[in-house]
Amino acid sequence: MLVLGVPSRFMDLNEVDPRELQRSVRFALDLVAAHRIAKGLVIDQERVTALRESLEERLVAAFSEIDIGPMPWS
């Protein structure tokens, strides 16, 4: 990947499939919701939706900081 004509070692966000990211995040939150239901706890759908959106945004931001270059030898 090139950034301003210079090779970049950081992850290209164009390589992240937003639909796959959403599926993964929803699956994880579904597991949490199922656990809460099994324990008889209340689920606030508005809060879950807000958490999902925040988590997706944070994951995209984190992916942009991932160095995909080779690991240095010690």
N, C-alpha and C. Protein backbone atom coordinates (compact mmCIF):
# COMPACT_ATOMS: atom_id res chain seq x y z
N MET A 1 0.84 -1.17 0.00
CA MET A 1 0.00 0.00 0.00
C MET A 1 0.89 1.23 0.00
N LEU A 2 0.49 2.24 -0.76
CA LEU A 2 1.23 3.49 -0.82
C LEU A 2 0.44 4.61 -0.18
N VAL A 3 1.11 5.41 0.61
CA VAL A 3 0.52 6.62 1.17
C VAL A 3 1.38 7.77 0.71
N LEU A 4 0.80 8.67 -0.07
CA LEU A 4 1.54 9.78 -0.66
C LEU A 4 2.78 9.28 -1.40
N GLY A 5 2.64 8.16 -2.09
CA GLY A 5 3.73 7.61 -2.87
C GLY A 5 4.78 6.85 -2.08
N VAL A 6 4.59 6.77 -0.77
CA VAL A 6 5.56 6.08 0.09
C VAL A 6 4.90 4.81 0.63
N PRO A 7 5.61 3.67 0.57
CA PRO A 7 5.02 2.44 1.10
C PRO A 7 4.65 2.61 2.58
N SER A 8 3.46 2.17 2.92
CA SER A 8 2.99 2.25 4.30
C SER A 8 2.81 0.85 4.86
N ARG A 9 3.18 0.65 6.11
CA ARG A 9 3.05 -0.65 6.74
C ARG A 9 1.75 -0.77 7.50
N PHE A 10 0.93 0.27 7.51
CA PHE A 10 -0.29 0.23 8.28
C PHE A 10 -1.44 -0.32 7.45
N MET A 11 -2.39 -0.91 8.15
CA MET A 11 -3.51 -1.57 7.50
C MET A 11 -4.32 -0.59 6.67
N ASP A 12 -4.69 -1.02 5.47
CA ASP A 12 -5.53 -0.22 4.57
C ASP A 12 -6.99 -0.46 4.95
N LEU A 13 -7.69 0.60 5.35
CA LEU A 13 -9.08 0.44 5.76
C LEU A 13 -9.97 -0.03 4.62
N ASN A 14 -9.50 0.11 3.38
CA ASN A 14 -10.27 -0.40 2.25
C ASN A 14 -10.30 -1.92 2.25
N GLU A 15 -9.39 -2.54 2.99
CA GLU A 15 -9.36 -4.00 3.09
C GLU A 15 -10.35 -4.53 4.13
N VAL A 16 -10.92 -3.64 4.93
CA VAL A 16 -11.88 -4.04 5.96
C VAL A 16 -13.27 -4.08 5.32
N ASP A 17 -13.92 -5.22 5.39
CA ASP A 17 -15.28 -5.36 4.87
C ASP A 17 -16.25 -4.89 5.94
N PRO A 18 -16.92 -3.75 5.73
CA PRO A 18 -17.80 -3.22 6.77
C PRO A 18 -18.94 -4.17 7.13
N ARG A 19 -19.43 -4.92 6.16
CA ARG A 19 -20.52 -5.87 6.46
C ARG A 19 -20.03 -6.99 7.36
N GLU A 20 -18.82 -7.47 7.11
CA GLU A 20 -18.27 -8.54 7.96
C GLU A 20 -17.99 -8.00 9.37
N LEU A 21 -17.51 -6.78 9.45
CA LEU A 21 -17.29 -6.14 10.76
C LEU A 21 -18.61 -6.03 11.52
N GLN A 22 -19.66 -5.57 10.85
CA GLN A 22 -20.96 -5.45 11.50
C GLN A 22 -21.48 -6.81 11.95
N ARG A 23 -21.32 -7.83 11.10
CA ARG A 23 -21.78 -9.18 11.48
C ARG A 23 -21.05 -9.67 12.72
N SER A 24 -19.75 -9.46 12.76
CA SER A 24 -18.96 -9.93 13.91
C SER A 24 -19.36 -9.20 15.19
N VAL A 25 -19.53 -7.88 15.09
CA VAL A 25 -19.91 -7.10 16.27
C VAL A 25 -21.31 -7.51 16.73
N ARG A 26 -22.24 -7.65 15.79
CA ARG A 26 -23.60 -8.05 16.16
C ARG A 26 -23.61 -9.42 16.81
N PHE A 27 -22.82 -10.35 16.28
CA PHE A 27 -22.76 -11.69 16.86
C PHE A 27 -22.27 -11.62 18.30
N ALA A 28 -21.21 -10.84 18.53
CA ALA A 28 -20.68 -10.71 19.89
C ALA A 28 -21.72 -10.11 20.83
N LEU A 29 -22.42 -9.08 20.36
CA LEU A 29 -23.44 -8.46 21.21
C LEU A 29 -24.64 -9.39 21.40
N ASP A 30 -24.96 -10.20 20.40
CA ASP A 30 -26.03 -11.19 20.55
C ASP A 30 -25.68 -12.20 21.65
N LEU A 31 -24.41 -12.59 21.71
CA LEU A 31 -23.98 -13.51 22.77
C LEU A 31 -24.15 -12.87 24.15
N VAL A 32 -23.78 -11.61 24.25
CA VAL A 32 -23.94 -10.91 25.53
C VAL A 32 -25.42 -10.81 25.89
N ALA A 33 -26.26 -10.47 24.89
CA ALA A 33 -27.70 -10.36 25.14
C ALA A 33 -28.28 -11.70 25.56
N ALA A 34 -27.88 -12.79 24.91
CA ALA A 34 -28.38 -14.12 25.27
C ALA A 34 -27.99 -14.46 26.71
N HIS A 35 -26.78 -14.11 27.07
CA HIS A 35 -26.33 -14.36 28.45
C HIS A 35 -27.18 -13.57 29.45
N ARG A 36 -27.44 -12.30 29.12
CA ARG A 36 -28.26 -11.47 30.01
C ARG A 36 -29.67 -12.03 30.12
N ILE A 37 -30.24 -12.48 29.00
CA ILE A 37 -31.59 -13.06 29.02
C ILE A 37 -31.60 -14.32 29.88
N ALA A 38 -30.58 -15.16 29.71
CA ALA A 38 -30.51 -16.40 30.48
C ALA A 38 -30.41 -16.12 31.98
N LYS A 39 -29.79 -15.00 32.33
CA LYS A 39 -29.65 -14.63 33.75
C LYS A 39 -30.85 -13.83 34.25
N GLY A 40 -31.82 -13.56 33.35
CA GLY A 40 -33.00 -12.81 33.76
C GLY A 40 -32.76 -11.32 33.89
N LEU A 41 -31.73 -10.81 33.25
CA LEU A 41 -31.41 -9.39 33.33
C LEU A 41 -32.10 -8.62 32.20
N VAL A 42 -32.24 -7.32 32.37
CA VAL A 42 -32.92 -6.45 31.41
C VAL A 42 -31.94 -6.05 30.30
N ILE A 43 -32.49 -5.92 29.07
CA ILE A 43 -31.69 -5.47 27.93
C ILE A 43 -32.28 -4.15 27.43
N ASP A 44 -31.46 -3.12 27.40
CA ASP A 44 -31.86 -1.81 26.89
C ASP A 44 -31.42 -1.73 25.43
N GLN A 45 -32.37 -1.88 24.49
CA GLN A 45 -32.04 -1.92 23.07
C GLN A 45 -31.36 -0.65 22.57
N GLU A 46 -31.78 0.51 23.05
CA GLU A 46 -31.14 1.76 22.65
C GLU A 46 -29.67 1.78 23.06
N ARG A 47 -29.42 1.32 24.26
CA ARG A 47 -28.03 1.29 24.76
C ARG A 47 -27.19 0.29 23.98
N VAL A 48 -27.77 -0.86 23.67
CA VAL A 48 -27.05 -1.88 22.90
C VAL A 48 -26.71 -1.35 21.50
N THR A 49 -27.66 -0.66 20.89
CA THR A 49 -27.42 -0.08 19.57
C THR A 49 -26.31 0.97 19.62
N ALA A 50 -26.35 1.83 20.62
CA ALA A 50 -25.32 2.85 20.79
C ALA A 50 -23.95 2.21 21.03
N LEU A 51 -23.92 1.16 21.84
CA LEU A 51 -22.67 0.45 22.10
C LEU A 51 -22.12 -0.19 20.83
N ARG A 52 -23.01 -0.79 20.03
CA ARG A 52 -22.59 -1.43 18.78
C ARG A 52 -21.96 -0.40 17.85
N GLU A 53 -22.62 0.74 17.68
CA GLU A 53 -22.10 1.78 16.79
C GLU A 53 -20.75 2.29 17.28
N SER A 54 -20.64 2.51 18.58
CA SER A 54 -19.38 2.98 19.16
C SER A 54 -18.27 1.94 18.98
N LEU A 55 -18.60 0.69 19.21
CA LEU A 55 -17.62 -0.38 19.05
C LEU A 55 -17.13 -0.48 17.61
N GLU A 56 -18.05 -0.40 16.64
CA GLU A 56 -17.66 -0.46 15.23
C GLU A 56 -16.74 0.70 14.88
N GLU A 57 -17.06 1.92 15.35
CA GLU A 57 -16.21 3.08 15.08
C GLU A 57 -14.82 2.91 15.69
N ARG A 58 -14.78 2.40 16.90
CA ARG A 58 -13.48 2.21 17.58
C ARG A 58 -12.65 1.13 16.89
N LEU A 59 -13.31 0.08 16.41
CA LEU A 59 -12.58 -0.97 15.71
C LEU A 59 -11.98 -0.45 14.41
N VAL A 60 -12.75 0.33 13.68
CA VAL A 60 -12.22 0.91 12.44
C VAL A 60 -11.02 1.81 12.74
N ALA A 61 -11.13 2.62 13.79
CA ALA A 61 -10.01 3.49 14.18
C ALA A 61 -8.80 2.65 14.58
N ALA A 62 -9.02 1.57 15.31
CA ALA A 62 -7.91 0.70 15.74
C ALA A 62 -7.26 0.02 14.55
N PHE A 63 -8.08 -0.42 13.59
CA PHE A 63 -7.52 -1.07 12.40
C PHE A 63 -6.59 -0.13 11.64
N SER A 64 -6.89 1.16 11.64
CA SER A 64 -6.05 2.11 10.91
C SER A 64 -4.68 2.27 11.57
N GLU A 65 -4.55 1.84 12.82
CA GLU A 65 -3.29 1.96 13.56
C GLU A 65 -2.48 0.66 13.58
N ILE A 66 -3.02 -0.41 12.99
CA ILE A 66 -2.32 -1.69 13.03
C ILE A 66 -1.19 -1.70 12.04
N ASP A 67 -0.01 -2.01 12.52
CA ASP A 67 1.18 -2.13 11.68
C ASP A 67 1.20 -3.55 11.12
N ILE A 68 1.03 -3.67 9.80
CA ILE A 68 0.99 -5.00 9.19
C ILE A 68 2.33 -5.42 8.62
N GLY A 69 3.37 -4.66 8.96
CA GLY A 69 4.71 -5.02 8.52
C GLY A 69 5.22 -6.24 9.25
N PRO A 70 6.32 -6.80 8.79
CA PRO A 70 6.88 -7.98 9.46
C PRO A 70 7.34 -7.66 10.88
N MET A 71 7.23 -8.65 11.74
CA MET A 71 7.67 -8.49 13.12
C MET A 71 9.20 -8.41 13.14
N PRO A 72 9.74 -7.48 13.94
CA PRO A 72 11.21 -7.39 14.01
C PRO A 72 11.78 -8.58 14.79
N TRP A 73 12.98 -8.95 14.40
CA TRP A 73 13.67 -10.03 15.13
C TRP A 73 14.31 -9.43 16.36
N SER A 74 14.28 -10.14 17.46
CA SER A 74 14.84 -9.63 18.71
C SER A 74 16.33 -9.79 18.74
